[in-house]
Amino acid sequence: MAVADEPPAPPLFSPTAIRQLRERNRVGRSAFAYGLNISARTVERSEAGTMKPSGPARRLLGVVQKHGFEFVVTA
């Protein structure tokens, strides 16, 4: 019996990449946090490098990177 291929791991995002992603989408920390259903403090800590996004959060950031913030908020 063949085993299905594993999906690719979610992309990694550096603190700078997270900030740049948010800024490219022209949203503030509070709006970004609200759209991703996380706290503004979590966004701040991720951008500062004191917290690393989990697998699901990285996957969601990847969707924002590929399709834009509006895609996530309107989905």
C-alpha atoms as a PDB file:
ATOM      1  CA  MET A   1       0.000   0.000   0.000  1.00  0.00           C
ATOM      2  CA  ALA A   2       1.441   3.353  -1.048  1.00  0.00           C
ATOM      3  CA  VAL A   3       1.794   6.091   1.545  1.00  0.00           C
ATOM      4  CA  ALA A   4       0.670   9.557   0.487  1.00  0.00           C
ATOM      5  CA  ASP A   5       3.395  12.151   0.265  1.00  0.00           C
ATOM      6  CA  GLU A   6       3.653  14.459   3.232  1.00  0.00           C
ATOM      7  CA  PRO A   7       2.663  18.065   2.545  1.00  0.00           C
ATOM      8  CA  PRO A   8       5.574  20.486   2.516  1.00  0.00           C
ATOM      9  CA  ALA A   9       6.519  22.027   5.833  1.00  0.00           C
ATOM     10  CA  PRO A  10       5.186  25.540   6.410  1.00  0.00           C
ATOM     11  CA  PRO A  11       7.673  28.235   5.408  1.00  0.00           C
ATOM     12  CA  LEU A  12       9.925  29.810   8.013  1.00  0.00           C
ATOM     13  CA  PHE A  13       9.660  33.546   8.616  1.00  0.00           C
ATOM     14  CA  SER A  14      12.336  35.675  10.231  1.00  0.00           C
ATOM     15  CA  PRO A  15      11.257  38.583  12.430  1.00  0.00           C
ATOM     16  CA  THR A  16      12.200  40.972   9.609  1.00  0.00           C
ATOM     17  CA  ALA A  17      10.212  38.943   7.077  1.00  0.00           C
ATOM     18  CA  ILE A  18       7.106  39.084   9.279  1.00  0.00           C
ATOM     19  CA  ARG A  19       7.382  42.865   9.638  1.00  0.00           C
ATOM     20  CA  GLN A  20       7.984  43.295   5.896  1.00  0.00           C
ATOM     21  CA  LEU A  21       5.008  41.063   5.089  1.00  0.00           C
ATOM     22  CA  ARG A  22       2.763  43.169   7.321  1.00  0.00           C
ATOM     23  CA  GLU A  23       4.102  46.435   5.921  1.00  0.00           C
ATOM     24  CA  ARG A  24       3.791  45.239   2.292  1.00  0.00           C
ATOM     25  CA  ASN A  25       0.127  44.616   2.992  1.00  0.00           C
ATOM     26  CA  ARG A  26      -0.161  48.124   4.461  1.00  0.00           C
ATOM     27  CA  VAL A  27      -1.679  47.139   7.785  1.00  0.00           C
ATOM     28  CA  GLY A  28      -0.761  48.051  11.325  1.00  0.00           C
ATOM     29  CA  ARG A  29       0.041  45.526  14.020  1.00  0.00           C
ATOM     30  CA  SER A  30      -3.441  45.639  15.521  1.00  0.00           C
ATOM     31  CA  ALA A  31      -5.195  45.098  12.185  1.00  0.00           C
ATOM     32  CA  PHE A  32      -2.745  42.336  11.216  1.00  0.00           C
ATOM     33  CA  ALA A  33      -3.317  40.637  14.559  1.00  0.00           C
ATOM     34  CA  TYR A  34      -7.091  40.946  14.270  1.00  0.00           C
ATOM     35  CA  GLY A  35      -7.073  39.472  10.748  1.00  0.00           C
ATOM     36  CA  LEU A  36      -4.929  36.529  11.839  1.00  0.00           C
ATOM     37  CA  ASN A  37      -6.919  36.040  15.071  1.00  0.00           C
ATOM     38  CA  ILE A  38      -3.910  36.617  17.321  1.00  0.00           C
ATOM     39  CA  SER A  39      -2.988  39.373  19.759  1.00  0.00           C
ATOM     40  CA  ALA A  40      -1.121  42.521  18.751  1.00  0.00           C
ATOM     41  CA  ARG A  41       1.426  41.544  21.406  1.00  0.00           C
ATOM     42  CA  THR A  42       2.051  38.269  19.564  1.00  0.00           C
ATOM     43  CA  VAL A  43       2.712  40.193  16.338  1.00  0.00           C
ATOM     44  CA  GLU A  44       5.027  42.539  18.223  1.00  0.00           C
ATOM     45  CA  ARG A  45       6.947  39.660  19.825  1.00  0.00           C
ATOM     46  CA  SER A  46       7.205  37.812  16.494  1.00  0.00           C
ATOM     47  CA  GLU A  47       8.588  40.909  14.800  1.00  0.00           C
ATOM     48  CA  ALA A  48      11.029  41.443  17.665  1.00  0.00           C
ATOM     49  CA  GLY A  49      12.241  37.845  17.455  1.00  0.00           C
ATOM     50  CA  THR A  50      11.312  36.940  21.026  1.00  0.00           C
ATOM     51  CA  MET A  51       8.644  34.519  19.772  1.00  0.00           C
ATOM     52  CA  LYS A  52       8.626  32.206  16.768  1.00  0.00           C
ATOM     53  CA  PRO A  53       5.354  31.468  14.958  1.00  0.00           C
ATOM     54  CA  SER A  54       4.035  27.917  15.324  1.00  0.00           C
ATOM     55  CA  GLY A  55       3.419  25.610  12.355  1.00  0.00           C
ATOM     56  CA  PRO A  56      -0.203  26.711  11.765  1.00  0.00           C
ATOM     57  CA  ALA A  57       0.763  30.381  12.150  1.00  0.00           C
ATOM     58  CA  ARG A  58       3.610  29.916   9.656  1.00  0.00           C
ATOM     59  CA  ARG A  59       1.196  28.263   7.224  1.00  0.00           C
ATOM     60  CA  LEU A  60      -1.186  31.226   7.557  1.00  0.00           C
ATOM     61  CA  LEU A  61       1.674  33.698   7.050  1.00  0.00           C
ATOM     62  CA  GLY A  62       2.541  31.743   3.901  1.00  0.00           C
ATOM     63  CA  VAL A  63      -1.015  32.222   2.624  1.00  0.00           C
ATOM     64  CA  VAL A  64      -0.753  35.955   3.335  1.00  0.00           C
ATOM     65  CA  GLN A  65       2.575  36.025   1.509  1.00  0.00           C
ATOM     66  CA  LYS A  66       1.174  34.234  -1.530  1.00  0.00           C
ATOM     67  CA  HIS A  67      -2.329  35.709  -1.768  1.00  0.00           C
ATOM     68  CA  GLY A  68      -2.263  38.875   0.332  1.00  0.00           C
ATOM     69  CA  PHE A  69      -3.787  39.881   3.629  1.00  0.00           C
ATOM     70  CA  GLU A  70      -7.181  40.687   2.078  1.00  0.00           C
ATOM     71  CA  PHE A  71      -7.494  37.064   0.946  1.00  0.00           C
ATOM     72  CA  VAL A  72      -7.196  35.860   4.526  1.00  0.00           C
ATOM     73  CA  VAL A  73      -9.553  38.415   6.037  1.00  0.00           C
ATOM     74  CA  THR A  74     -12.270  37.888   3.459  1.00  0.00           C
ATOM     75  CA  ALA A  75     -12.049  34.085   3.356  1.00  0.00           C
END
